[in-house]
Amino acid sequence: MALSTPLTGTELIDCAKANSNAGIELAAQRCGYNQDLEAFERQLKEDCDQIGISIGGFSDLSAMKQSMNLPGVEIAPDSKSKL
C-alpha cells in the first residue's frame, strides 16, 4: 500500500525495521517512498541520527533486528489447566 505522504521520524524507522527482511525496494514502497530509494535511505539515516542511532544504511536495520533476538528461557505452565 503506497502512502500519500512518506513516513518520517520514528514511524519511518519502525516501518523500515519491520520490513527489513523484505528488502529495500519493498520497504521503501511500504514507507511511502515508492522507488526513490535514495530519499528513503537518506531520511532513514537522518531520523536515526536524531534519536541517537548510528546506521550506515538500510542494511544495518536487518543486523540490528537480528542482534535484538537474544536467546532466553521460556517460562510457562506444564499445561493450560495447571497454572
Protein backbone atom coordinates (compact mmCIF):
# COMPACT_ATOMS: atom_id res chain seq x y z
CA MET A 1 0.00 0.00 0.00
CA ALA A 2 1.53 3.32 -1.07
CA LEU A 3 1.20 6.26 1.28
CA SER A 4 0.37 9.76 0.03
CA THR A 5 2.95 11.28 2.38
CA PRO A 6 6.20 9.42 3.11
CA LEU A 7 6.77 8.42 6.72
CA THR A 8 9.35 10.24 8.83
CA GLY A 9 10.74 10.04 12.34
CA THR A 10 10.14 7.01 14.50
CA GLU A 11 7.27 5.89 12.25
CA LEU A 12 9.73 5.58 9.36
CA ILE A 13 12.28 3.75 11.50
CA ASP A 14 9.66 1.31 12.81
CA CYS A 15 8.24 0.65 9.34
CA ALA A 16 11.68 0.21 7.77
CA LYS A 17 12.79 -2.11 10.56
CA ALA A 18 9.60 -4.17 10.31
CA ASN A 19 10.16 -4.57 6.57
CA SER A 20 13.95 -5.00 6.66
CA ASN A 21 13.76 -8.68 5.70
CA ALA A 22 11.67 -7.86 2.60
CA GLY A 23 14.42 -5.77 1.01
CA ILE A 24 14.97 -2.08 0.48
CA GLU A 25 12.68 -1.75 -2.55
CA LEU A 26 9.63 -3.13 -0.77
CA ALA A 27 10.44 -1.34 2.49
CA ALA A 28 10.75 1.99 0.67
CA GLN A 29 7.43 1.40 -1.06
CA ARG A 30 5.66 0.46 2.19
CA CYS A 31 7.09 3.54 3.92
CA GLY A 32 5.73 5.84 1.21
CA TYR A 33 8.88 6.45 -0.85
CA ASN A 34 7.87 4.27 -3.83
CA GLN A 35 11.02 3.81 -5.98
CA ASP A 36 13.00 6.75 -4.54
CA LEU A 37 15.49 4.61 -2.65
CA GLU A 38 17.97 7.46 -2.18
CA ALA A 39 15.42 9.69 -0.44
CA PHE A 40 14.22 6.75 1.65
CA GLU A 41 17.71 5.85 2.85
CA ARG A 42 18.73 9.49 3.38
CA GLN A 43 15.63 10.20 5.52
CA LEU A 44 16.12 6.95 7.43
CA LYS A 45 19.72 7.88 8.29
CA GLU A 46 18.69 11.40 9.35
CA ASP A 47 15.88 10.13 11.56
CA CYS A 48 18.09 7.51 13.17
CA ASP A 49 20.76 10.15 13.87
CA GLN A 50 18.14 12.35 15.54
CA ILE A 51 17.33 9.66 18.09
CA GLY A 52 20.97 8.67 18.62
CA ILE A 53 21.17 5.55 16.47
CA SER A 54 24.03 5.43 14.01
CA ILE A 55 23.42 3.39 10.86
CA GLY A 56 25.38 3.21 7.64
CA GLY A 57 22.31 2.35 5.61
CA PHE A 58 19.14 0.31 5.34
CA SER A 59 21.01 -3.00 5.53
CA ASP A 60 22.10 -2.16 9.08
CA LEU A 61 18.46 -2.41 10.25
CA SER A 62 18.38 -6.12 9.47
CA ALA A 63 21.57 -6.64 11.50
CA MET A 64 20.09 -4.61 14.39
CA LYS A 65 16.91 -6.66 14.31
CA GLN A 66 18.86 -9.94 14.45
CA SER A 67 21.07 -8.76 17.30
CA MET A 68 17.99 -7.92 19.36
CA ASN A 69 16.76 -11.52 19.18
CA LEU A 70 18.69 -12.67 22.20
CA PRO A 71 18.41 -16.23 23.42
CA GLY A 72 16.39 -16.70 26.54
CA VAL A 73 14.40 -19.12 28.61
CA GLU A 74 10.66 -19.55 28.21
CA ILE A 75 8.78 -19.95 31.45
CA ALA A 76 5.30 -21.42 31.09
CA PRO A 77 2.95 -23.80 32.89
CA ASP A 78 3.06 -27.51 32.10
CA SER A 79 -0.44 -27.39 30.66
CA LYS A 80 -3.34 -24.97 30.22
CA SER A 81 -5.18 -26.48 33.17
CA LYS A 82 -2.17 -26.28 35.54
CA LEU A 83 -1.25 -22.65 36.10
